[in-house]
Amino acid sequence: TDEFLQFSMVEQSAAGKYAQGQDQLFG
């Protein structure tokens, strides 16, 4: 997990699940 987080450039957000559906898809 540490390596995935260190090397990934894909950003995560726990709050992202509350975004509009089309915004989640565009993300």
mmCIF file of all heavy atoms, coordinates in Angstrom:
data_MODEL
# 
_entry.id   MODEL 
# 
loop_
_atom_site.group_PDB 
_atom_site.id 
_atom_site.type_symbol 
_atom_site.label_atom_id 
_atom_site.label_alt_id 
_atom_site.label_comp_id 
_atom_site.label_asym_id 
_atom_site.label_entity_id 
_atom_site.label_seq_id 
_atom_site.pdbx_PDB_ins_code 
_atom_site.Cartn_x 
_atom_site.Cartn_y 
_atom_site.Cartn_z 
_atom_site.occupancy 
_atom_site.B_iso_or_equiv 
_atom_site.pdbx_formal_charge 
_atom_site.auth_seq_id 
_atom_site.auth_comp_id 
_atom_site.auth_asym_id 
_atom_site.auth_atom_id 
_atom_site.pdbx_PDB_model_num 
ATOM 1   N N   . THR A 1 1  ? 0.829   -1.200 0.000   1.00 0.00 ? 1  THR A N   1 
ATOM 2   C CA  . THR A 1 1  ? 0.000   0.000  0.000   1.00 0.00 ? 1  THR A CA  1 
ATOM 3   C C   . THR A 1 1  ? 0.863   1.250  0.000   1.00 0.00 ? 1  THR A C   1 
ATOM 4   O O   . THR A 1 1  ? 0.588   2.205  -0.738  1.00 0.00 ? 1  THR A O   1 
ATOM 5   C CB  . THR A 1 1  ? -0.938  -0.002 1.225   1.00 0.00 ? 1  THR A CB  1 
ATOM 6   O OG1 . THR A 1 1  ? -1.679  -1.226 1.232   1.00 0.00 ? 1  THR A OG1 1 
ATOM 7   C CG2 . THR A 1 1  ? -1.897  1.161  1.204   1.00 0.00 ? 1  THR A CG2 1 
ATOM 8   N N   . ASP A 1 2  ? 1.920   1.261  0.804   1.00 0.00 ? 2  ASP A N   1 
ATOM 9   C CA  . ASP A 1 2  ? 2.817   2.422  0.845   1.00 0.00 ? 2  ASP A CA  1 
ATOM 10  C C   . ASP A 1 2  ? 3.416   2.712  -0.527  1.00 0.00 ? 2  ASP A C   1 
ATOM 11  O O   . ASP A 1 2  ? 3.503   3.868  -0.941  1.00 0.00 ? 2  ASP A O   1 
ATOM 12  C CB  . ASP A 1 2  ? 3.951   2.203  1.852   1.00 0.00 ? 2  ASP A CB  1 
ATOM 13  C CG  . ASP A 1 2  ? 3.477   2.292  3.293   1.00 0.00 ? 2  ASP A CG  1 
ATOM 14  O OD1 . ASP A 1 2  ? 2.377   2.831  3.537   1.00 0.00 ? 2  ASP A OD1 1 
ATOM 15  O OD2 . ASP A 1 2  ? 4.211   1.816  4.178   1.00 0.00 ? 2  ASP A OD2 1 
ATOM 16  N N   . GLU A 1 3  ? 3.841   1.664  -1.225  1.00 0.00 ? 3  GLU A N   1 
ATOM 17  C CA  . GLU A 1 3  ? 4.432   1.860  -2.560  1.00 0.00 ? 3  GLU A CA  1 
ATOM 18  C C   . GLU A 1 3  ? 3.382   2.355  -3.551  1.00 0.00 ? 3  GLU A C   1 
ATOM 19  O O   . GLU A 1 3  ? 3.660   3.247  -4.356  1.00 0.00 ? 3  GLU A O   1 
ATOM 20  C CB  . GLU A 1 3  ? 5.056   0.554  -3.054  1.00 0.00 ? 3  GLU A CB  1 
ATOM 21  C CG  . GLU A 1 3  ? 6.301   0.163  -2.294  1.00 0.00 ? 3  GLU A CG  1 
ATOM 22  C CD  . GLU A 1 3  ? 6.770   -1.250 -2.606  1.00 0.00 ? 3  GLU A CD  1 
ATOM 23  O OE1 . GLU A 1 3  ? 5.937   -2.146 -2.849  1.00 0.00 ? 3  GLU A OE1 1 
ATOM 24  O OE2 . GLU A 1 3  ? 8.000   -1.455 -2.591  1.00 0.00 ? 3  GLU A OE2 1 
ATOM 25  N N   . PHE A 1 4  ? 2.170   1.800  -3.502  1.00 0.00 ? 4  PHE A N   1 
ATOM 26  C CA  . PHE A 1 4  ? 1.119   2.260  -4.415  1.00 0.00 ? 4  PHE A CA  1 
ATOM 27  C C   . PHE A 1 4  ? 0.826   3.739  -4.199  1.00 0.00 ? 4  PHE A C   1 
ATOM 28  O O   . PHE A 1 4  ? 0.695   4.498  -5.157  1.00 0.00 ? 4  PHE A O   1 
ATOM 29  C CB  . PHE A 1 4  ? -0.167  1.447  -4.240  1.00 0.00 ? 4  PHE A CB  1 
ATOM 30  C CG  . PHE A 1 4  ? -0.023  -0.020 -4.536  1.00 0.00 ? 4  PHE A CG  1 
ATOM 31  C CD1 . PHE A 1 4  ? -0.672  -0.954 -3.747  1.00 0.00 ? 4  PHE A CD1 1 
ATOM 32  C CD2 . PHE A 1 4  ? 0.742   -0.477 -5.590  1.00 0.00 ? 4  PHE A CD2 1 
ATOM 33  C CE1 . PHE A 1 4  ? -0.560  -2.308 -4.001  1.00 0.00 ? 4  PHE A CE1 1 
ATOM 34  C CE2 . PHE A 1 4  ? 0.872   -1.835 -5.859  1.00 0.00 ? 4  PHE A CE2 1 
ATOM 35  C CZ  . PHE A 1 4  ? 0.217   -2.746 -5.060  1.00 0.00 ? 4  PHE A CZ  1 
ATOM 36  N N   . LEU A 1 5  ? 0.727   4.149  -2.958  1.00 0.00 ? 5  LEU A N   1 
ATOM 37  C CA  . LEU A 1 5  ? 0.448   5.553  -2.655  1.00 0.00 ? 5  LEU A CA  1 
ATOM 38  C C   . LEU A 1 5  ? 1.616   6.445  -3.046  1.00 0.00 ? 5  LEU A C   1 
ATOM 39  O O   . LEU A 1 5  ? 1.416   7.560  -3.539  1.00 0.00 ? 5  LEU A O   1 
ATOM 40  C CB  . LEU A 1 5  ? 0.115   5.718  -1.171  1.00 0.00 ? 5  LEU A CB  1 
ATOM 41  C CG  . LEU A 1 5  ? -1.194  5.065  -0.727  1.00 0.00 ? 5  LEU A CG  1 
ATOM 42  C CD1 . LEU A 1 5  ? -1.352  5.168  0.791   1.00 0.00 ? 5  LEU A CD1 1 
ATOM 43  C CD2 . LEU A 1 5  ? -2.389  5.658  -1.443  1.00 0.00 ? 5  LEU A CD2 1 
ATOM 44  N N   . GLN A 1 6  ? 2.839   5.973  -2.850  1.00 0.00 ? 6  GLN A N   1 
ATOM 45  C CA  . GLN A 1 6  ? 4.017   6.753  -3.198  1.00 0.00 ? 6  GLN A CA  1 
ATOM 46  C C   . GLN A 1 6  ? 4.148   6.938  -4.708  1.00 0.00 ? 6  GLN A C   1 
ATOM 47  O O   . GLN A 1 6  ? 4.484   8.022  -5.178  1.00 0.00 ? 6  GLN A O   1 
ATOM 48  C CB  . GLN A 1 6  ? 5.275   6.067  -2.662  1.00 0.00 ? 6  GLN A CB  1 
ATOM 49  C CG  . GLN A 1 6  ? 6.557   6.790  -3.004  1.00 0.00 ? 6  GLN A CG  1 
ATOM 50  C CD  . GLN A 1 6  ? 7.797   6.048  -2.533  1.00 0.00 ? 6  GLN A CD  1 
ATOM 51  O OE1 . GLN A 1 6  ? 7.728   5.012  -1.895  1.00 0.00 ? 6  GLN A OE1 1 
ATOM 52  N NE2 . GLN A 1 6  ? 8.953   6.580  -2.874  1.00 0.00 ? 6  GLN A NE2 1 
ATOM 53  N N   . PHE A 1 7  ? 3.884   5.890  -5.472  1.00 0.00 ? 7  PHE A N   1 
ATOM 54  C CA  . PHE A 1 7  ? 4.154   5.930  -6.908  1.00 0.00 ? 7  PHE A CA  1 
ATOM 55  C C   . PHE A 1 7  ? 2.954   6.295  -7.770  1.00 0.00 ? 7  PHE A C   1 
ATOM 56  O O   . PHE A 1 7  ? 3.109   6.570  -8.950  1.00 0.00 ? 7  PHE A O   1 
ATOM 57  C CB  . PHE A 1 7  ? 4.733   4.590  -7.374  1.00 0.00 ? 7  PHE A CB  1 
ATOM 58  C CG  . PHE A 1 7  ? 6.037   4.237  -6.709  1.00 0.00 ? 7  PHE A CG  1 
ATOM 59  C CD1 . PHE A 1 7  ? 6.235   2.979  -6.185  1.00 0.00 ? 7  PHE A CD1 1 
ATOM 60  C CD2 . PHE A 1 7  ? 7.055   5.163  -6.594  1.00 0.00 ? 7  PHE A CD2 1 
ATOM 61  C CE1 . PHE A 1 7  ? 7.435   2.638  -5.563  1.00 0.00 ? 7  PHE A CE1 1 
ATOM 62  C CE2 . PHE A 1 7  ? 8.260   4.849  -5.972  1.00 0.00 ? 7  PHE A CE2 1 
ATOM 63  C CZ  . PHE A 1 7  ? 8.443   3.578  -5.459  1.00 0.00 ? 7  PHE A CZ  1 
ATOM 64  N N   . SER A 1 8  ? 1.748   6.281  -7.215  1.00 0.00 ? 8  SER A N   1 
ATOM 65  C CA  . SER A 1 8  ? 0.569   6.611  -8.010  1.00 0.00 ? 8  SER A CA  1 
ATOM 66  C C   . SER A 1 8  ? 0.401   8.111  -8.134  1.00 0.00 ? 8  SER A C   1 
ATOM 67  O O   . SER A 1 8  ? 0.621   8.853  -7.183  1.00 0.00 ? 8  SER A O   1 
ATOM 68  C CB  . SER A 1 8  ? -0.695  6.021  -7.380  1.00 0.00 ? 8  SER A CB  1 
ATOM 69  O OG  . SER A 1 8  ? -1.822  6.419  -8.135  1.00 0.00 ? 8  SER A OG  1 
ATOM 70  N N   . MET A 1 9  ? 0.007   8.552  -9.304  1.00 0.00 ? 9  MET A N   1 
ATOM 71  C CA  . MET A 1 9  ? -0.324  9.952  -9.517  1.00 0.00 ? 9  MET A CA  1 
ATOM 72  C C   . MET A 1 9  ? -1.830  10.125 -9.676  1.00 0.00 ? 9  MET A C   1 
ATOM 73  O O   . MET A 1 9  ? -2.313  11.203 -9.989  1.00 0.00 ? 9  MET A O   1 
ATOM 74  C CB  . MET A 1 9  ? 0.402   10.489 -10.760 1.00 0.00 ? 9  MET A CB  1 
ATOM 75  C CG  . MET A 1 9  ? 1.907   10.446 -10.635 1.00 0.00 ? 9  MET A CG  1 
ATOM 76  S SD  . MET A 1 9  ? 2.478   11.367 -9.194  1.00 0.00 ? 9  MET A SD  1 
ATOM 77  C CE  . MET A 1 9  ? 3.967   10.489 -8.804  1.00 0.00 ? 9  MET A CE  1 
ATOM 78  N N   . VAL A 1 10 ? -2.584  9.058  -9.467  1.00 0.00 ? 10 VAL A N   1 
ATOM 79  C CA  . VAL A 1 10 ? -4.041  9.114  -9.462  1.00 0.00 ? 10 VAL A CA  1 
ATOM 80  C C   . VAL A 1 10 ? -4.447  9.525  -8.051  1.00 0.00 ? 10 VAL A C   1 
ATOM 81  O O   . VAL A 1 10 ? -4.065  8.872  -7.081  1.00 0.00 ? 10 VAL A O   1 
ATOM 82  C CB  . VAL A 1 10 ? -4.655  7.741  -9.842  1.00 0.00 ? 10 VAL A CB  1 
ATOM 83  C CG1 . VAL A 1 10 ? -6.152  7.731  -9.628  1.00 0.00 ? 10 VAL A CG1 1 
ATOM 84  C CG2 . VAL A 1 10 ? -4.310  7.388  -11.283 1.00 0.00 ? 10 VAL A CG2 1 
ATOM 85  N N   . GLU A 1 11 ? -5.179  10.621 -7.950  1.00 0.00 ? 11 GLU A N   1 
ATOM 86  C CA  . GLU A 1 11 ? -5.533  11.155 -6.637  1.00 0.00 ? 11 GLU A CA  1 
ATOM 87  C C   . GLU A 1 11 ? -6.845  10.569 -6.135  1.00 0.00 ? 11 GLU A C   1 
ATOM 88  O O   . GLU A 1 11 ? -7.761  10.326 -6.911  1.00 0.00 ? 11 GLU A O   1 
ATOM 89  C CB  . GLU A 1 11 ? -5.630  12.676 -6.708  1.00 0.00 ? 11 GLU A CB  1 
ATOM 90  C CG  . GLU A 1 11 ? -4.295  13.321 -7.041  1.00 0.00 ? 11 GLU A CG  1 
ATOM 91  C CD  . GLU A 1 11 ? -4.374  14.819 -7.167  1.00 0.00 ? 11 GLU A CD  1 
ATOM 92  O OE1 . GLU A 1 11 ? -5.449  15.398 -6.895  1.00 0.00 ? 11 GLU A OE1 1 
ATOM 93  O OE2 . GLU A 1 11 ? -3.355  15.412 -7.549  1.00 0.00 ? 11 GLU A OE2 1 
ATOM 94  N N   . GLN A 1 12 ? -6.916  10.358 -4.824  1.00 0.00 ? 12 GLN A N   1 
ATOM 95  C CA  . GLN A 1 12 ? -8.105  9.825  -4.185  1.00 0.00 ? 12 GLN A CA  1 
ATOM 96  C C   . GLN A 1 12 ? -8.724  10.865 -3.265  1.00 0.00 ? 12 GLN A C   1 
ATOM 97  O O   . GLN A 1 12 ? -8.034  11.750 -2.768  1.00 0.00 ? 12 GLN A O   1 
ATOM 98  C CB  . GLN A 1 12 ? -7.749  8.623  -3.309  1.00 0.00 ? 12 GLN A CB  1 
ATOM 99  C CG  . GLN A 1 12 ? -7.276  7.417  -4.023  1.00 0.00 ? 12 GLN A CG  1 
ATOM 100 C CD  . GLN A 1 12 ? -6.952  6.328  -3.001  1.00 0.00 ? 12 GLN A CD  1 
ATOM 101 O OE1 . GLN A 1 12 ? -5.962  6.422  -2.304  1.00 0.00 ? 12 GLN A OE1 1 
ATOM 102 N NE2 . GLN A 1 12 ? -7.790  5.322  -2.925  1.00 0.00 ? 12 GLN A NE2 1 
ATOM 103 N N   . SER A 1 13 ? -10.023 10.707 -3.030  1.00 0.00 ? 13 SER A N   1 
ATOM 104 C CA  . SER A 1 13 ? -10.711 11.548 -2.065  1.00 0.00 ? 13 SER A CA  1 
ATOM 105 C C   . SER A 1 13 ? -11.853 10.748 -1.473  1.00 0.00 ? 13 SER A C   1 
ATOM 106 O O   . SER A 1 13 ? -12.728 10.272 -2.200  1.00 0.00 ? 13 SER A O   1 
ATOM 107 C CB  . SER A 1 13 ? -11.252 12.805 -2.738  1.00 0.00 ? 13 SER A CB  1 
ATOM 108 O OG  . SER A 1 13 ? -12.165 13.462 -1.888  1.00 0.00 ? 13 SER A OG  1 
ATOM 109 N N   . ALA A 1 14 ? -11.845 10.609 -0.160  1.00 0.00 ? 14 ALA A N   1 
ATOM 110 C CA  . ALA A 1 14 ? -12.949 9.911  0.497   1.00 0.00 ? 14 ALA A CA  1 
ATOM 111 C C   . ALA A 1 14 ? -14.256 10.669 0.296   1.00 0.00 ? 14 ALA A C   1 
ATOM 112 O O   . ALA A 1 14 ? -15.323 10.068 0.190   1.00 0.00 ? 14 ALA A O   1 
ATOM 113 C CB  . ALA A 1 14 ? -12.650 9.755  1.987   1.00 0.00 ? 14 ALA A CB  1 
ATOM 114 N N   . ALA A 1 15 ? -14.188 11.990 0.196   1.00 0.00 ? 15 ALA A N   1 
ATOM 115 C CA  . ALA A 1 15 ? -15.384 12.799 -0.014  1.00 0.00 ? 15 ALA A CA  1 
ATOM 116 C C   . ALA A 1 15 ? -15.890 12.713 -1.457  1.00 0.00 ? 15 ALA A C   1 
ATOM 117 O O   . ALA A 1 15 ? -17.035 13.069 -1.730  1.00 0.00 ? 15 ALA A O   1 
ATOM 118 C CB  . ALA A 1 15 ? -15.094 14.251 0.348   1.00 0.00 ? 15 ALA A CB  1 
ATOM 119 N N   . GLY A 1 16 ? -15.044 12.200 -2.361  1.00 0.00 ? 16 GLY A N   1 
ATOM 120 C CA  . GLY A 1 16 ? -15.411 12.127 -3.775  1.00 0.00 ? 16 GLY A CA  1 
ATOM 121 C C   . GLY A 1 16 ? -16.674 11.326 -4.041  1.00 0.00 ? 16 GLY A C   1 
ATOM 122 O O   . GLY A 1 16 ? -17.374 11.568 -5.030  1.00 0.00 ? 16 GLY A O   1 
ATOM 123 N N   . LYS A 1 17 ? -17.001 10.411 -3.167  1.00 0.00 ? 17 LYS A N   1 
ATOM 124 C CA  . LYS A 1 17 ? -18.190 9.582  -3.382  1.00 0.00 ? 17 LYS A CA  1 
ATOM 125 C C   . LYS A 1 17 ? -19.482 10.389 -3.297  1.00 0.00 ? 17 LYS A C   1 
ATOM 126 O O   . LYS A 1 17 ? -20.530 9.937  -3.732  1.00 0.00 ? 17 LYS A O   1 
ATOM 127 C CB  . LYS A 1 17 ? -18.218 8.420  -2.398  1.00 0.00 ? 17 LYS A CB  1 
ATOM 128 C CG  . LYS A 1 17 ? -18.345 8.793  -0.950  1.00 0.00 ? 17 LYS A CG  1 
ATOM 129 C CD  . LYS A 1 17 ? -18.240 7.557  -0.087  1.00 0.00 ? 17 LYS A CD  1 
ATOM 130 C CE  . LYS A 1 17 ? -18.030 7.917  1.369   1.00 0.00 ? 17 LYS A CE  1 
ATOM 131 N NZ  . LYS A 1 17 ? -17.553 6.762  2.120   1.00 0.00 ? 17 LYS A NZ  1 
ATOM 132 N N   . TYR A 1 18 ? -19.412 11.620 -2.750  1.00 0.00 ? 18 TYR A N   1 
ATOM 133 C CA  . TYR A 1 18 ? -20.597 12.464 -2.643  1.00 0.00 ? 18 TYR A CA  1 
ATOM 134 C C   . TYR A 1 18 ? -20.746 13.419 -3.824  1.00 0.00 ? 18 TYR A C   1 
ATOM 135 O O   . TYR A 1 18 ? -21.715 14.167 -3.885  1.00 0.00 ? 18 TYR A O   1 
ATOM 136 C CB  . TYR A 1 18 ? -20.568 13.242 -1.323  1.00 0.00 ? 18 TYR A CB  1 
ATOM 137 C CG  . TYR A 1 18 ? -20.587 12.309 -0.131  1.00 0.00 ? 18 TYR A CG  1 
ATOM 138 C CD1 . TYR A 1 18 ? -19.448 12.130 0.651   1.00 0.00 ? 18 TYR A CD1 1 
ATOM 139 C CD2 . TYR A 1 18 ? -21.728 11.571 0.179   1.00 0.00 ? 18 TYR A CD2 1 
ATOM 140 C CE1 . TYR A 1 18 ? -19.451 11.255 1.730   1.00 0.00 ? 18 TYR A CE1 1 
ATOM 141 C CE2 . TYR A 1 18 ? -21.732 10.692 1.246   1.00 0.00 ? 18 TYR A CE2 1 
ATOM 142 C CZ  . TYR A 1 18 ? -20.593 10.540 2.022   1.00 0.00 ? 18 TYR A CZ  1 
ATOM 143 O OH  . TYR A 1 18 ? -20.605 9.673  3.080   1.00 0.00 ? 18 TYR A OH  1 
ATOM 144 N N   . ALA A 1 19 ? -19.798 13.383 -4.750  1.00 0.00 ? 19 ALA A N   1 
ATOM 145 C CA  . ALA A 1 19 ? -19.876 14.247 -5.934  1.00 0.00 ? 19 ALA A CA  1 
ATOM 146 C C   . ALA A 1 19 ? -20.991 13.759 -6.860  1.00 0.00 ? 19 ALA A C   1 
ATOM 147 O O   . ALA A 1 19 ? -21.446 12.613 -6.782  1.00 0.00 ? 19 ALA A O   1 
ATOM 148 C CB  . ALA A 1 19 ? -18.539 14.239 -6.674  1.00 0.00 ? 19 ALA A CB  1 
ATOM 149 N N   . GLN A 1 20 ? -21.449 14.640 -7.720  1.00 0.00 ? 20 GLN A N   1 
ATOM 150 C CA  . GLN A 1 20 ? -22.444 14.268 -8.724  1.00 0.00 ? 20 GLN A CA  1 
ATOM 151 C C   . GLN A 1 20 ? -21.913 13.111 -9.562  1.00 0.00 ? 20 GLN A C   1 
ATOM 152 O O   . GLN A 1 20 ? -20.702 13.008 -9.798  1.00 0.00 ? 20 GLN A O   1 
ATOM 153 C CB  . GLN A 1 20 ? -22.739 15.469 -9.640  1.00 0.00 ? 20 GLN A CB  1 
ATOM 154 C CG  . GLN A 1 20 ? -23.399 16.636 -8.938  1.00 0.00 ? 20 GLN A CG  1 
ATOM 155 C CD  . GLN A 1 20 ? -24.820 16.290 -8.492  1.00 0.00 ? 20 GLN A CD  1 
ATOM 156 O OE1 . GLN A 1 20 ? -25.597 15.693 -9.228  1.00 0.00 ? 20 GLN A OE1 1 
ATOM 157 N NE2 . GLN A 1 20 ? -25.143 16.662 -7.270  1.00 0.00 ? 20 GLN A NE2 1 
ATOM 158 N N   . GLY A 1 21 ? -22.797 12.257 -10.034 1.00 0.00 ? 21 GLY A N   1 
ATOM 159 C CA  . GLY A 1 21 ? -22.392 11.088 -10.810 1.00 0.00 ? 21 GLY A CA  1 
ATOM 160 C C   . GLY A 1 21 ? -21.530 11.429 -12.000 1.00 0.00 ? 21 GLY A C   1 
ATOM 161 O O   . GLY A 1 21 ? -20.495 10.794 -12.237 1.00 0.00 ? 21 GLY A O   1 
ATOM 162 N N   . GLN A 1 22 ? -21.939 12.458 -12.767 1.00 0.00 ? 22 GLN A N   1 
ATOM 163 C CA  . GLN A 1 22 ? -21.162 12.818 -13.965 1.00 0.00 ? 22 GLN A CA  1 
ATOM 164 C C   . GLN A 1 22 ? -19.781 13.336 -13.578 1.00 0.00 ? 22 GLN A C   1 
ATOM 165 O O   . GLN A 1 22 ? -18.814 13.143 -14.312 1.00 0.00 ? 22 GLN A O   1 
ATOM 166 C CB  . GLN A 1 22 ? -21.921 13.808 -14.858 1.00 0.00 ? 22 GLN A CB  1 
ATOM 167 C CG  . GLN A 1 22 ? -22.121 15.190 -14.291 1.00 0.00 ? 22 GLN A CG  1 
ATOM 168 C CD  . GLN A 1 22 ? -23.410 15.339 -13.483 1.00 0.00 ? 22 GLN A CD  1 
ATOM 169 O OE1 . GLN A 1 22 ? -24.008 14.361 -13.041 1.00 0.00 ? 22 GLN A OE1 1 
ATOM 170 N NE2 . GLN A 1 22 ? -23.833 16.582 -13.290 1.00 0.00 ? 22 GLN A NE2 1 
ATOM 171 N N   . ASP A 1 23 ? -19.669 13.981 -12.419 1.00 0.00 ? 23 ASP A N   1 
ATOM 172 C CA  . ASP A 1 23 ? -18.364 14.471 -11.967 1.00 0.00 ? 23 ASP A CA  1 
ATOM 173 C C   . ASP A 1 23 ? -17.467 13.294 -11.555 1.00 0.00 ? 23 ASP A C   1 
ATOM 174 O O   . ASP A 1 23 ? -16.257 13.314 -11.792 1.00 0.00 ? 23 ASP A O   1 
ATOM 175 C CB  . ASP A 1 23 ? -18.519 15.444 -10.802 1.00 0.00 ? 23 ASP A CB  1 
ATOM 176 C CG  . ASP A 1 23 ? -19.221 16.729 -11.221 1.00 0.00 ? 23 ASP A CG  1 
ATOM 177 O OD1 . ASP A 1 23 ? -19.186 17.069 -12.424 1.00 0.00 ? 23 ASP A OD1 1 
ATOM 178 O OD2 . ASP A 1 23 ? -19.817 17.381 -10.341 1.00 0.00 ? 23 ASP A OD2 1 
ATOM 179 N N   . GLN A 1 24 ? -18.053 12.282 -10.927 1.00 0.00 ? 24 GLN A N   1 
ATOM 180 C CA  . GLN A 1 24 ? -17.268 11.095 -10.567 1.00 0.00 ? 24 GLN A CA  1 
ATOM 181 C C   . GLN A 1 24 ? -16.772 10.394 -11.832 1.00 0.00 ? 24 GLN A C   1 
ATOM 182 O O   . GLN A 1 24 ? -15.611 9.985  -11.911 1.00 0.00 ? 24 GLN A O   1 
ATOM 183 C CB  . GLN A 1 24 ? -18.099 10.134 -9.716  1.00 0.00 ? 24 GLN A CB  1 
ATOM 184 C CG  . GLN A 1 24 ? -18.352 10.648 -8.315  1.00 0.00 ? 24 GLN A CG  1 
ATOM 185 C CD  . GLN A 1 24 ? -18.996 9.606  -7.430  1.00 0.00 ? 24 GLN A CD  1 
ATOM 186 O OE1 . GLN A 1 24 ? -18.484 8.496  -7.321  1.00 0.00 ? 24 GLN A OE1 1 
ATOM 187 N NE2 . GLN A 1 24 ? -20.110 9.965  -6.800  1.00 0.00 ? 24 GLN A NE2 1 
ATOM 188 N N   . LEU A 1 25 ? -17.653 10.272 -12.827 1.00 0.00 ? 25 LEU A N   1 
ATOM 189 C CA  . LEU A 1 25 ? -17.247 9.642  -14.088 1.00 0.00 ? 25 LEU A CA  1 
ATOM 190 C C   . LEU A 1 25 ? -16.156 10.460 -14.758 1.00 0.00 ? 25 LEU A C   1 
ATOM 191 O O   . LEU A 1 25 ? -15.156 9.896  -15.225 1.00 0.00 ? 25 LEU A O   1 
ATOM 192 C CB  . LEU A 1 25 ? -18.447 9.476  -15.023 1.00 0.00 ? 25 LEU A CB  1 
ATOM 193 C CG  . LEU A 1 25 ? -18.126 8.948  -16.426 1.00 0.00 ? 25 LEU A CG  1 
ATOM 194 C CD1 . LEU A 1 25 ? -17.411 7.594  -16.375 1.00 0.00 ? 25 LEU A CD1 1 
ATOM 195 C CD2 . LEU A 1 25 ? -19.399 8.863  -17.269 1.00 0.00 ? 25 LEU A CD2 1 
ATOM 196 N N   . PHE A 1 26 ? -16.309 11.779 -14.805 1.00 0.00 ? 26 PHE A N   1 
ATOM 197 C CA  . PHE A 1 26 ? -15.289 12.601 -15.449 1.00 0.00 ? 26 PHE A CA  1 
ATOM 198 C C   . PHE A 1 26 ? -13.966 12.499 -14.698 1.00 0.00 ? 26 PHE A C   1 
ATOM 199 O O   . PHE A 1 26 ? -12.902 12.516 -15.303 1.00 0.00 ? 26 PHE A O   1 
ATOM 200 C CB  . PHE A 1 26 ? -15.749 14.058 -15.571 1.00 0.00 ? 26 PHE A CB  1 
ATOM 201 C CG  . PHE A 1 26 ? -14.862 14.877 -16.456 1.00 0.00 ? 26 PHE A CG  1 
ATOM 202 C CD1 . PHE A 1 26 ? -14.561 14.471 -17.752 1.00 0.00 ? 26 PHE A CD1 1 
ATOM 203 C CD2 . PHE A 1 26 ? -14.294 16.054 -16.002 1.00 0.00 ? 26 PHE A CD2 1 
ATOM 204 C CE1 . PHE A 1 26 ? -13.723 15.208 -18.576 1.00 0.00 ? 26 PHE A CE1 1 
ATOM 205 C CE2 . PHE A 1 26 ? -13.464 16.806 -16.807 1.00 0.00 ? 26 PHE A CE2 1 
ATOM 206 C CZ  . PHE A 1 26 ? -13.177 16.385 -18.095 1.00 0.00 ? 26 PHE A CZ  1 
ATOM 207 N N   . GLY A 1 27 ? -14.026 12.343 -13.384 1.00 0.00 ? 27 GLY A N   1 
ATOM 208 C CA  . GLY A 1 27 ? -12.806 12.121 -12.609 1.00 0.00 ? 27 GLY A CA  1 
ATOM 209 C C   . GLY A 1 27 ? -12.110 10.839 -13.035 1.00 0.00 ? 27 GLY A C   1 
ATOM 210 O O   . GLY A 1 27 ? -10.875 10.799 -13.161 1.00 0.00 ? 27 GLY A O   1 
# 
